[in-house]
Amino acid sequence: MDLEKWKRGVEEHIEVVDQTLRDRKLLKESFEEHLSKVFDWNEISYNRDFTVIKLYYEYGVSPIIRSDKVSELGMDWLIKSDYDCNANRVVVIEVYPWGIEEGYHED
């Protein structure tokens, strides 16, 4: 294998990875801007393919949901209760940008 060819391949790979990370950051910013029109949150997480976005609330904090903007969200969402790292019951909102999969059931 030619070393120069290998180096170019590595450089191209790094550029593709960097561009993917920049694109992912822009997607997150776009989602967060859209979601903030309806919800508030203390922490947010995304799964790998952006099919589930979780909005986490601190212990003792209730979500603010702007009912006049919910129709503009255009996404399915569920309110759940979960536990934080201290075993306190907390609120989590799960947002499904492409809808809840058929056959969804609570685990």
PDB file of N, CA and C in Angstrom:
ATOM      1  N   MET A   1       0.850  -1.188   0.000  1.00  0.00           N
ATOM      2  CA  MET A   1       0.000   0.000   0.000  1.00  0.00           C
ATOM      3  C   MET A   1       0.889   1.243   0.000  1.00  0.00           C
ATOM      4  N   ASP A   2       0.571   2.182  -0.821  1.00  0.00           N
ATOM      5  CA  ASP A   2       1.299   3.435  -0.919  1.00  0.00           C
ATOM      6  C   ASP A   2       0.998   4.304   0.299  1.00  0.00           C
ATOM      7  N   LEU A   3       2.029   4.750   1.007  1.00  0.00           N
ATOM      8  CA  LEU A   3       1.871   5.528   2.243  1.00  0.00           C
ATOM      9  C   LEU A   3       1.121   6.836   2.002  1.00  0.00           C
ATOM     10  N   GLU A   4       1.411   7.529   0.912  1.00  0.00           N
ATOM     11  CA  GLU A   4       0.720   8.792   0.612  1.00  0.00           C
ATOM     12  C   GLU A   4      -0.776   8.566   0.383  1.00  0.00           C
ATOM     13  N   LYS A   5      -1.094   7.503  -0.300  1.00  0.00           N
ATOM     14  CA  LYS A   5      -2.500   7.161  -0.545  1.00  0.00           C
ATOM     15  C   LYS A   5      -3.206   6.889   0.783  1.00  0.00           C
ATOM     16  N   TRP A   6      -2.532   6.161   1.653  1.00  0.00           N
ATOM     17  CA  TRP A   6      -3.083   5.851   2.972  1.00  0.00           C
ATOM     18  C   TRP A   6      -3.300   7.136   3.763  1.00  0.00           C
ATOM     19  N   LYS A   7      -2.309   8.043   3.760  1.00  0.00           N
ATOM     20  CA  LYS A   7      -2.435   9.312   4.490  1.00  0.00           C
ATOM     21  C   LYS A   7      -3.620  10.127   3.980  1.00  0.00           C
ATOM     22  N   ARG A   8      -3.787  10.207   2.653  1.00  0.00           N
ATOM     23  CA  ARG A   8      -4.925  10.931   2.078  1.00  0.00           C
ATOM     24  C   ARG A   8      -6.248  10.303   2.512  1.00  0.00           C
ATOM     25  N   GLY A   9      -6.268   8.963   2.516  1.00  0.00           N
ATOM     26  CA  GLY A   9      -7.474   8.266   2.960  1.00  0.00           C
ATOM     27  C   GLY A   9      -7.816   8.583   4.402  1.00  0.00           C
ATOM     28  N   VAL A  10      -6.811   8.618   5.259  1.00  0.00           N
ATOM     29  CA  VAL A  10      -7.022   8.949   6.674  1.00  0.00           C
ATOM     30  C   VAL A  10      -7.505  10.392   6.803  1.00  0.00           C
ATOM     31  N   GLU A  11      -6.901  11.308   6.082  1.00  0.00           N
ATOM     32  CA  GLU A  11      -7.318  12.715   6.134  1.00  0.00           C
ATOM     33  C   GLU A  11      -8.765  12.880   5.680  1.00  0.00           C
ATOM     34  N   GLU A  12      -9.134  12.186   4.612  1.00  0.00           N
ATOM     35  CA  GLU A  12     -10.517  12.241   4.127  1.00  0.00           C
ATOM     36  C   GLU A  12     -11.476  11.659   5.159  1.00  0.00           C
ATOM     37  N   HIS A  13     -11.085  10.571   5.782  1.00  0.00           N
ATOM     38  CA  HIS A  13     -11.918   9.947   6.813  1.00  0.00           C
ATOM     39  C   HIS A  13     -12.123  10.914   7.986  1.00  0.00           C
ATOM     40  N   ILE A  14     -11.055  11.551   8.428  1.00  0.00           N
ATOM     41  CA  ILE A  14     -11.144  12.503   9.540  1.00  0.00           C
ATOM     42  C   ILE A  14     -12.068  13.660   9.175  1.00  0.00           C
ATOM     43  N   GLU A  15     -11.975  14.153   7.953  1.00  0.00           N
ATOM     44  CA  GLU A  15     -12.843  15.249   7.518  1.00  0.00           C
ATOM     45  C   GLU A  15     -14.313  14.825   7.508  1.00  0.00           C
ATOM     46  N   VAL A  16     -14.592  13.608   7.055  1.00  0.00           N
ATOM     47  CA  VAL A  16     -15.972  13.099   7.045  1.00  0.00           C
ATOM     48  C   VAL A  16     -16.498  12.989   8.480  1.00  0.00           C
ATOM     49  N   VAL A  17     -15.689  12.460   9.386  1.00  0.00           N
ATOM     50  CA  VAL A  17     -16.106  12.333  10.789  1.00  0.00           C
ATOM     51  C   VAL A  17     -16.354  13.714  11.388  1.00  0.00           C
ATOM     52  N   ASP A  18     -15.428  14.651  11.144  1.00  0.00           N
ATOM     53  CA  ASP A  18     -15.603  16.011  11.661  1.00  0.00           C
ATOM     54  C   ASP A  18     -16.871  16.657  11.125  1.00  0.00           C
ATOM     55  N   GLN A  19     -17.147  16.485   9.839  1.00  0.00           N
ATOM     56  CA  GLN A  19     -18.357  17.058   9.241  1.00  0.00           C
ATOM     57  C   GLN A  19     -19.609  16.423   9.844  1.00  0.00           C
ATOM     58  N   THR A  20     -19.565  15.121  10.072  1.00  0.00           N
ATOM     59  CA  THR A  20     -20.698  14.432  10.696  1.00  0.00           C
ATOM     60  C   THR A  20     -20.952  14.982  12.095  1.00  0.00           C
ATOM     61  N   LEU A  21     -19.896  15.220  12.856  1.00  0.00           N
ATOM     62  CA  LEU A  21     -20.052  15.778  14.202  1.00  0.00           C
ATOM     63  C   LEU A  21     -20.605  17.199  14.142  1.00  0.00           C
ATOM     64  N   ARG A  22     -20.152  17.989  13.178  1.00  0.00           N
ATOM     65  CA  ARG A  22     -20.698  19.345  13.030  1.00  0.00           C
ATOM     66  C   ARG A  22     -22.185  19.292  12.656  1.00  0.00           C
ATOM     67  N   ASP A  23     -22.527  18.386  11.745  1.00  0.00           N
ATOM     68  CA  ASP A  23     -23.931  18.227  11.343  1.00  0.00           C
ATOM     69  C   ASP A  23     -24.785  17.794  12.527  1.00  0.00           C
ATOM     70  N   ARG A  24     -24.288  16.856  13.333  1.00  0.00           N
ATOM     71  CA  ARG A  24     -25.024  16.377  14.504  1.00  0.00           C
ATOM     72  C   ARG A  24     -25.264  17.521  15.492  1.00  0.00           C
ATOM     73  N   LYS A  25     -24.246  18.358  15.683  1.00  0.00           N
ATOM     74  CA  LYS A  25     -24.383  19.501  16.588  1.00  0.00           C
ATOM     75  C   LYS A  25     -25.462  20.454  16.078  1.00  0.00           C
ATOM     76  N   LEU A  26     -25.463  20.718  14.767  1.00  0.00           N
ATOM     77  CA  LEU A  26     -26.482  21.596  14.185  1.00  0.00           C
ATOM     78  C   LEU A  26     -27.884  21.003  14.315  1.00  0.00           C
ATOM     79  N   LEU A  27     -28.002  19.691  14.117  1.00  0.00           N
ATOM     80  CA  LEU A  27     -29.299  19.037  14.294  1.00  0.00           C
ATOM     81  C   LEU A  27     -29.791  19.185  15.730  1.00  0.00           C
ATOM     82  N   LYS A  28     -28.903  18.973  16.690  1.00  0.00           N
ATOM     83  CA  LYS A  28     -29.282  19.116  18.102  1.00  0.00           C
ATOM     84  C   LYS A  28     -29.734  20.536  18.396  1.00  0.00           C
ATOM     85  N   GLU A  29     -28.989  21.511  17.912  1.00  0.00           N
ATOM     86  CA  GLU A  29     -29.364  22.908  18.136  1.00  0.00           C
ATOM     87  C   GLU A  29     -30.727  23.210  17.528  1.00  0.00           C
ATOM     88  N   SER A  30     -30.981  22.676  16.349  1.00  0.00           N
ATOM     89  CA  SER A  30     -32.259  22.885  15.688  1.00  0.00           C
ATOM     90  C   SER A  30     -33.404  22.240  16.477  1.00  0.00           C
ATOM     91  N   PHE A  31     -33.202  21.000  16.902  1.00  0.00           N
ATOM     92  CA  PHE A  31     -34.206  20.319  17.725  1.00  0.00           C
ATOM     93  C   PHE A  31     -34.470  21.104  19.000  1.00  0.00           C
ATOM     94  N   GLU A  32     -33.410  21.534  19.670  1.00  0.00           N
ATOM     95  CA  GLU A  32     -33.572  22.234  20.944  1.00  0.00           C
ATOM     96  C   GLU A  32     -34.313  23.549  20.766  1.00  0.00           C
ATOM     97  N   GLU A  33     -34.024  24.251  19.697  1.00  0.00           N
ATOM     98  CA  GLU A  33     -34.740  25.501  19.427  1.00  0.00           C
ATOM     99  C   GLU A  33     -36.227  25.224  19.227  1.00  0.00           C
ATOM    100  N   HIS A  34     -36.544  24.184  18.460  1.00  0.00           N
ATOM    101  CA  HIS A  34     -37.943  23.836  18.204  1.00  0.00           C
ATOM    102  C   HIS A  34     -38.632  23.372  19.487  1.00  0.00           C
ATOM    103  N   LEU A  35     -37.984  22.493  20.243  1.00  0.00           N
ATOM    104  CA  LEU A  35     -38.580  21.967  21.474  1.00  0.00           C
ATOM    105  C   LEU A  35     -38.787  23.059  22.522  1.00  0.00           C
ATOM    106  N   SER A  36     -37.903  24.041  22.565  1.00  0.00           N
ATOM    107  CA  SER A  36     -38.004  25.088  23.587  1.00  0.00           C
ATOM    108  C   SER A  36     -39.234  25.973  23.402  1.00  0.00           C
ATOM    109  N   LYS A  37     -39.861  25.895  22.238  1.00  0.00           N
ATOM    110  CA  LYS A  37     -41.102  26.641  22.024  1.00  0.00           C
ATOM    111  C   LYS A  37     -42.252  26.027  22.819  1.00  0.00           C
ATOM    112  N   VAL A  38     -42.108  24.744  23.183  1.00  0.00           N
ATOM    113  CA  VAL A  38     -43.179  24.030  23.879  1.00  0.00           C
ATOM    114  C   VAL A  38     -42.776  23.629  25.298  1.00  0.00           C
ATOM    115  N   PHE A  39     -41.547  23.141  25.468  1.00  0.00           N
ATOM    116  CA  PHE A  39     -41.108  22.587  26.752  1.00  0.00           C
ATOM    117  C   PHE A  39     -39.925  23.362  27.324  1.00  0.00           C
ATOM    118  N   ASP A  40     -39.763  23.204  28.628  1.00  0.00           N
ATOM    119  CA  ASP A  40     -38.512  23.568  29.268  1.00  0.00           C
ATOM    120  C   ASP A  40     -37.875  22.248  29.709  1.00  0.00           C
ATOM    121  N   TRP A  41     -36.665  22.252  30.188  1.00  0.00           N
ATOM    122  CA  TRP A  41     -36.021  21.033  30.692  1.00  0.00           C
ATOM    123  C   TRP A  41     -34.724  21.420  31.400  1.00  0.00           C
ATOM    124  N   ASN A  42     -34.233  20.484  32.200  1.00  0.00           N
ATOM    125  CA  ASN A  42     -32.960  20.690  32.877  1.00  0.00           C
ATOM    126  C   ASN A  42     -31.812  20.002  32.152  1.00  0.00           C
ATOM    127  N   GLU A  43     -32.122  18.907  31.478  1.00  0.00           N
ATOM    128  CA  GLU A  43     -31.112  18.163  30.737  1.00  0.00           C
ATOM    129  C   GLU A  43     -31.800  17.502  29.547  1.00  0.00           C
ATOM    130  N   ILE A  44     -31.048  17.305  28.478  1.00  0.00           N
ATOM    131  CA  ILE A  44     -31.620  16.699  27.278  1.00  0.00           C
ATOM    132  C   ILE A  44     -30.654  15.632  26.764  1.00  0.00           C
ATOM    133  N   SER A  45     -31.226  14.547  26.223  1.00  0.00           N
ATOM    134  CA  SER A  45     -30.379  13.524  25.600  1.00  0.00           C
ATOM    135  C   SER A  45     -31.057  13.024  24.330  1.00  0.00           C
ATOM    136  N   TYR A  46     -30.231  12.531  23.432  1.00  0.00           N
ATOM    137  CA  TYR A  46     -30.693  12.024  22.142  1.00  0.00           C
ATOM    138  C   TYR A  46     -30.182  10.611  21.973  1.00  0.00           C
ATOM    139  N   ASN A  47     -30.984   9.748  21.369  1.00  0.00           N
ATOM    140  CA  ASN A  47     -30.412   8.459  21.002  1.00  0.00           C
ATOM    141  C   ASN A  47     -29.649   8.652  19.694  1.00  0.00           C
ATOM    142  N   ARG A  48     -28.957   7.634  19.262  1.00  0.00           N
ATOM    143  CA  ARG A  48     -28.035   7.736  18.124  1.00  0.00           C
ATOM    144  C   ARG A  48     -28.686   8.255  16.846  1.00  0.00           C
ATOM    145  N   ASP A  49     -29.895   7.788  16.551  1.00  0.00           N
ATOM    146  CA  ASP A  49     -30.536   8.157  15.283  1.00  0.00           C
ATOM    147  C   ASP A  49     -31.648   9.200  15.442  1.00  0.00           C
ATOM    148  N   PHE A  50     -31.669   9.881  16.575  1.00  0.00           N
ATOM    149  CA  PHE A  50     -32.609  10.973  16.832  1.00  0.00           C
ATOM    150  C   PHE A  50     -34.074  10.534  16.799  1.00  0.00           C
ATOM    151  N   THR A  51     -34.356   9.270  17.034  1.00  0.00           N
ATOM    152  CA  THR A  51     -35.748   8.835  17.054  1.00  0.00           C
ATOM    153  C   THR A  51     -36.388   9.033  18.423  1.00  0.00           C
ATOM    154  N   VAL A  52     -35.568   9.227  19.456  1.00  0.00           N
ATOM    155  CA  VAL A  52     -36.072   9.510  20.797  1.00  0.00           C
ATOM    156  C   VAL A  52     -35.215  10.611  21.415  1.00  0.00           C
ATOM    157  N   ILE A  53     -35.876  11.660  21.859  1.00  0.00           N
ATOM    158  CA  ILE A  53     -35.217  12.750  22.566  1.00  0.00           C
ATOM    159  C   ILE A  53     -35.822  12.768  23.962  1.00  0.00           C
ATOM    160  N   LYS A  54     -34.974  12.763  24.990  1.00  0.00           N
ATOM    161  CA  LYS A  54     -35.475  12.753  26.369  1.00  0.00           C
ATOM    162  C   LYS A  54     -35.160  14.075  27.044  1.00  0.00           C
ATOM    163  N   LEU A  55     -36.198  14.647  27.633  1.00  0.00           N
ATOM    164  CA  LEU A  55     -36.076  15.880  28.405  1.00  0.00           C
ATOM    165  C   LEU A  55     -36.181  15.507  29.879  1.00  0.00           C
ATOM    166  N   TYR A  56     -35.148  15.815  30.633  1.00  0.00           N
ATOM    167  CA  TYR A  56     -35.091  15.431  32.043  1.00  0.00           C
ATOM    168  C   TYR A  56     -35.319  16.645  32.933  1.00  0.00           C
ATOM    169  N   TYR A  57     -36.002  16.409  34.029  1.00  0.00           N
ATOM    170  CA  TYR A  57     -36.279  17.447  35.013  1.00  0.00           C
ATOM    171  C   TYR A  57     -35.656  17.047  36.338  1.00  0.00           C
ATOM    172  N   GLU A  58     -35.155  18.038  37.054  1.00  0.00           N
ATOM    173  CA  GLU A  58     -34.556  17.774  38.354  1.00  0.00           C
ATOM    174  C   GLU A  58     -35.635  17.384  39.364  1.00  0.00           C
ATOM    175  N   TYR A  59     -35.203  16.739  40.422  1.00  0.00           N
ATOM    176  CA  TYR A  59     -36.103  16.347  41.500  1.00  0.00           C
ATOM    177  C   TYR A  59     -36.849  17.580  42.023  1.00  0.00           C
ATOM    178  N   GLY A  60     -38.148  17.458  42.121  1.00  0.00           N
ATOM    179  CA  GLY A  60     -38.973  18.537  42.636  1.00  0.00           C
ATOM    180  C   GLY A  60     -39.347  19.587  41.601  1.00  0.00           C
ATOM    181  N   VAL A  61     -38.926  19.411  40.357  1.00  0.00           N
ATOM    182  CA  VAL A  61     -39.221  20.382  39.299  1.00  0.00           C
ATOM    183  C   VAL A  61     -40.294  19.799  38.381  1.00  0.00           C
ATOM    184  N   SER A  62     -41.343  20.559  38.187  1.00  0.00           N
ATOM    185  CA  SER A  62     -42.409  20.152  37.273  1.00  0.00           C
ATOM    186  C   SER A  62     -42.166  20.789  35.917  1.00  0.00           C
ATOM    187  N   PRO A  63     -42.489  20.066  34.851  1.00  0.00           N
ATOM    188  CA  PRO A  63     -42.281  20.635  33.519  1.00  0.00           C
ATOM    189  C   PRO A  63     -43.247  21.772  33.227  1.00  0.00           C
ATOM    190  N   ILE A  64     -42.772  22.701  32.426  1.00  0.00           N
ATOM    191  CA  ILE A  64     -43.638  23.740  31.891  1.00  0.00           C
ATOM    192  C   ILE A  64     -43.912  23.350  30.447  1.00  0.00           C
ATOM    193  N   ILE A  65     -45.176  23.183  30.126  1.00  0.00           N
ATOM    194  CA  ILE A  65     -45.589  22.808  28.775  1.00  0.00           C
ATOM    195  C   ILE A  65     -46.489  23.921  28.258  1.00  0.00           C
ATOM    196  N   ARG A  66     -46.094  24.554  27.196  1.00  0.00           N
ATOM    197  CA  ARG A  66     -46.854  25.666  26.639  1.00  0.00           C
ATOM    198  C   ARG A  66     -47.990  25.114  25.775  1.00  0.00           C
ATOM    199  N   SER A  67     -49.147  25.040  26.400  1.00  0.00           N
ATOM    200  CA  SER A  67     -50.297  24.408  25.735  1.00  0.00           C
ATOM    201  C   SER A  67     -50.696  25.115  24.445  1.00  0.00           C
ATOM    202  N   ASP A  68     -50.459  26.410  24.353  1.00  0.00           N
ATOM    203  CA  ASP A  68     -50.815  27.140  23.138  1.00  0.00           C
ATOM    204  C   ASP A  68     -49.876  26.834  21.975  1.00  0.00           C
ATOM    205  N   LYS A  69     -48.750  26.165  22.254  1.00  0.00           N
ATOM    206  CA  LYS A  69     -47.761  25.841  21.218  1.00  0.00           C
ATOM    207  C   LYS A  69     -47.662  24.342  20.928  1.00  0.00           C
ATOM    208  N   VAL A  70     -48.337  23.503  21.712  1.00  0.00           N
ATOM    209  CA  VAL A  70     -48.228  22.050  21.539  1.00  0.00           C
ATOM    210  C   VAL A  70     -48.594  21.628  20.120  1.00  0.00           C
ATOM    211  N   SER A  71     -49.593  22.237  19.545  1.00  0.00           N
ATOM    212  CA  SER A  71     -50.017  21.845  18.192  1.00  0.00           C
ATOM    213  C   SER A  71     -48.937  22.137  17.149  1.00  0.00           C
ATOM    214  N   GLU A  72     -48.037  23.067  17.441  1.00  0.00           N
ATOM    215  CA  GLU A  72     -46.952  23.398  16.517  1.00  0.00           C
ATOM    216  C   GLU A  72     -45.777  22.436  16.625  1.00  0.00           C
ATOM    217  N   LEU A  73     -45.761  21.613  17.656  1.00  0.00           N
ATOM    218  CA  LEU A  73     -44.632  20.708  17.870  1.00  0.00           C
ATOM    219  C   LEU A  73     -44.502  19.713  16.728  1.00  0.00           C
ATOM    220  N   GLY A  74     -45.605  19.102  16.312  1.00  0.00           N
ATOM    221  CA  GLY A  74     -45.576  18.164  15.199  1.00  0.00           C
ATOM    222  C   GLY A  74     -44.887  16.854  15.507  1.00  0.00           C
ATOM    223  N   MET A  75     -44.787  16.510  16.777  1.00  0.00           N
ATOM    224  CA  MET A  75     -44.115  15.280  17.192  1.00  0.00           C
ATOM    225  C   MET A  75     -44.916  14.610  18.308  1.00  0.00           C
ATOM    226  N   ASP A  76     -44.841  13.291  18.352  1.00  0.00           N
ATOM    227  CA  ASP A  76     -45.448  12.572  19.465  1.00  0.00           C
ATOM    228  C   ASP A  76     -44.567  12.735  20.700  1.00  0.00           C
ATOM    229  N   TRP A  77     -45.189  12.711  21.869  1.00  0.00           N
ATOM    230  CA  TRP A  77     -44.418  12.786  23.103  1.00  0.00           C
ATOM    231  C   TRP A  77     -45.178  12.145  24.245  1.00  0.00           C
ATOM    232  N   LEU A  78     -44.434  11.668  25.213  1.00  0.00           N
ATOM    233  CA  LEU A  78     -44.986  11.030  26.407  1.00  0.00           C
ATOM    234  C   LEU A  78     -44.362  11.648  27.647  1.00  0.00           C
ATOM    235  N   ILE A  79     -45.153  11.773  28.687  1.00  0.00           N
ATOM    236  CA  ILE A  79     -44.620  12.189  29.985  1.00  0.00           C
ATOM    237  C   ILE A  79     -44.508  10.928  30.836  1.00  0.00           C
ATOM    238  N   LYS A  80     -43.341  10.733  31.423  1.00  0.00           N
ATOM    239  CA  LYS A  80     -43.091   9.557  32.250  1.00  0.00           C
ATOM    240  C   LYS A  80     -42.476   9.977  33.569  1.00  0.00           C
ATOM    241  N   SER A  81     -42.492   9.064  34.495  1.00  0.00           N
ATOM    242  CA  SER A  81     -41.723   9.282  35.709  1.00  0.00           C
ATOM    243  C   SER A  81     -40.573   8.282  35.703  1.00  0.00           C
ATOM    244  N   ASP A  82     -39.465   8.708  36.260  1.00  0.00           N
ATOM    245  CA  ASP A  82     -38.266   7.877  36.306  1.00  0.00           C
ATOM    246  C   ASP A  82     -37.541   8.197  37.603  1.00  0.00           C
ATOM    247  N   TYR A  83     -36.354   7.678  37.757  1.00  0.00           N
ATOM    248  CA  TYR A  83     -35.549   7.934  38.952  1.00  0.00           C
ATOM    249  C   TYR A  83     -34.239   8.585  38.555  1.00  0.00           C
ATOM    250  N   ASP A  84     -33.798   9.550  39.364  1.00  0.00           N
ATOM    251  CA  ASP A  84     -32.488  10.141  39.115  1.00  0.00           C
ATOM    252  C   ASP A  84     -31.414   9.296  39.808  1.00  0.00           C
ATOM    253  N   CYS A  85     -30.184   9.752  39.777  1.00  0.00           N
ATOM    254  CA  CYS A  85     -29.074   8.977  40.344  1.00  0.00           C
ATOM    255  C   CYS A  85     -29.156   8.842  41.865  1.00  0.00           C
ATOM    256  N   ASN A  86     -30.006   9.636  42.498  1.00  0.00           N
ATOM    257  CA  ASN A  86     -30.199   9.546  43.952  1.00  0.00           C
ATOM    258  C   ASN A  86     -31.482   8.803  44.311  1.00  0.00           C
ATOM    259  N   ALA A  87     -32.076   8.132  43.348  1.00  0.00           N
ATOM    260  CA  ALA A  87     -33.309   7.359  43.515  1.00  0.00           C
ATOM    261  C   ALA A  87     -34.522   8.240  43.833  1.00  0.00           C
ATOM    262  N   ASN A  88     -34.460   9.513  43.444  1.00  0.00           N
ATOM    263  CA  ASN A  88     -35.607  10.406  43.564  1.00  0.00           C
ATOM    264  C   ASN A  88     -36.473  10.262  42.326  1.00  0.00           C
ATOM    265  N   ARG A  89     -37.778  10.298  42.524  1.00  0.00           N
ATOM    266  CA  ARG A  89     -38.707  10.223  41.409  1.00  0.00           C
ATOM    267  C   ARG A  89     -38.662  11.552  40.660  1.00  0.00           C
ATOM    268  N   VAL A  90     -38.445  11.504  39.342  1.00  0.00           N
ATOM    269  CA  VAL A  90     -38.360  12.713  38.523  1.00  0.00           C
ATOM    270  C   VAL A  90     -39.219  12.547  37.277  1.00  0.00           C
ATOM    271  N   VAL A  91     -39.500  13.667  36.621  1.00  0.00           N
ATOM    272  CA  VAL A  91     -40.285  13.675  35.392  1.00  0.00           C
ATOM    273  C   VAL A  91     -39.333  13.616  34.196  1.00  0.00           C
ATOM    274  N   VAL A  92     -39.714  12.808  33.202  1.00  0.00           N
ATOM    275  CA  VAL A  92     -38.985  12.726  31.935  1.00  0.00           C
ATOM    276  C   VAL A  92     -40.019  12.826  30.816  1.00  0.00           C
ATOM    277  N   ILE A  93     -39.759  13.675  29.853  1.00  0.00           N
ATOM    278  CA  ILE A  93     -40.611  13.744  28.663  1.00  0.00           C
ATOM    279  C   ILE A  93     -39.824  13.115  27.523  1.00  0.00           C
ATOM    280  N   GLU A  94     -40.435  12.130  26.875  1.00  0.00           N
ATOM    281  CA  GLU A  94     -39.823  11.496  25.715  1.00  0.00           C
ATOM    282  C   GLU A  94     -40.504  12.047  24.465  1.00  0.00           C
ATOM    283  N   VAL A  95     -39.708  12.560  23.540  1.00  0.00           N
ATOM    284  CA  VAL A  95     -40.217  13.135  22.292  1.00  0.00           C
ATOM    285  C   VAL A  95     -39.805  12.218  21.151  1.00  0.00           C
ATOM    286  N   TYR A  96     -40.757  11.928  20.274  1.00  0.00           N
ATOM    287  CA  TYR A  96     -40.542  11.021  19.142  1.00  0.00           C
ATOM    288  C   TYR A  96     -40.740  11.810  17.842  1.00  0.00           C
ATOM    289  N   PRO A  97     -39.657  12.371  17.284  1.00  0.00           N
ATOM    290  CA  PRO A  97     -39.793  13.211  16.091  1.00  0.00           C
ATOM    291  C   PRO A  97     -40.445  12.509  14.901  1.00  0.00           C
ATOM    292  N   TRP A  98     -40.270  11.197  14.767  1.00  0.00           N
ATOM    293  CA  TRP A  98     -40.861  10.460  13.646  1.00  0.00           C
ATOM    294  C   TRP A  98     -42.022   9.594  14.104  1.00  0.00           C
ATOM    295  N   GLY A  99     -42.558   9.893  15.257  1.00  0.00           N
ATOM    296  CA  GLY A  99     -43.701   9.177  15.787  1.00  0.00           C
ATOM    297  C   GLY A  99     -43.298   7.992  16.652  1.00  0.00           C
ATOM    298  N   ILE A 100     -44.255   7.559  17.447  1.00  0.00           N
ATOM    299  CA  ILE A 100     -44.055   6.383  18.297  1.00  0.00           C
ATOM    300  C   ILE A 100     -44.229   5.165  17.427  1.00  0.00           C
ATOM    301  N   GLU A 101     -43.268   4.276  17.492  1.00  0.00           N
ATOM    302  CA  GLU A 101     -43.325   3.071  16.655  1.00  0.00           C
ATOM    303  C   GLU A 101     -44.573   2.251  16.961  1.00  0.00           C
ATOM    304  N   GLU A 102     -45.138   1.693  15.916  1.00  0.00           N
ATOM    305  CA  GLU A 102     -46.299   0.829  16.071  1.00  0.00           C
ATOM    306  C   GLU A 102     -45.928  -0.333  16.969  1.00  0.00           C
ATOM    307  N   GLY A 103     -46.791  -0.676  17.870  1.00  0.00           N
ATOM    308  CA  GLY A 103     -46.525  -1.767  18.799  1.00  0.00           C
ATOM    309  C   GLY A 103     -45.757  -1.316  20.033  1.00  0.00           C
ATOM    310  N   TYR A 104     -45.564   0.021  20.192  1.00  0.00           N
ATOM    311  CA  TYR A 104     -44.853   0.536  21.361  1.00  0.00           C
ATOM    312  C   TYR A 104     -45.591   0.104  22.616  1.00  0.00           C
ATOM    313  N   HIS A 105     -44.841  -0.290  23.602  1.00  0.00           N
ATOM    314  CA  HIS A 105     -45.412  -0.571  24.910  1.00  0.00           C
ATOM    315  C   HIS A 105     -44.395  -0.226  25.979  1.00  0.00           C
ATOM    316  N   GLU A 106     -44.877   0.129  27.114  1.00  0.00           N
ATOM    317  CA  GLU A 106     -44.047   0.492  28.254  1.00  0.00           C
ATOM    318  C   GLU A 106     -43.242  -0.719  28.690  1.00  0.00           C
ATOM    319  N   ASP A 107     -41.947  -0.525  28.918  1.00  0.00           N
ATOM    320  CA  ASP A 107     -41.103  -1.628  29.404  1.00  0.00           C
ATOM    321  C   ASP A 107     -41.313  -1.888  30.870  1.00  0.00           C
TER     322      ASP A 107
END
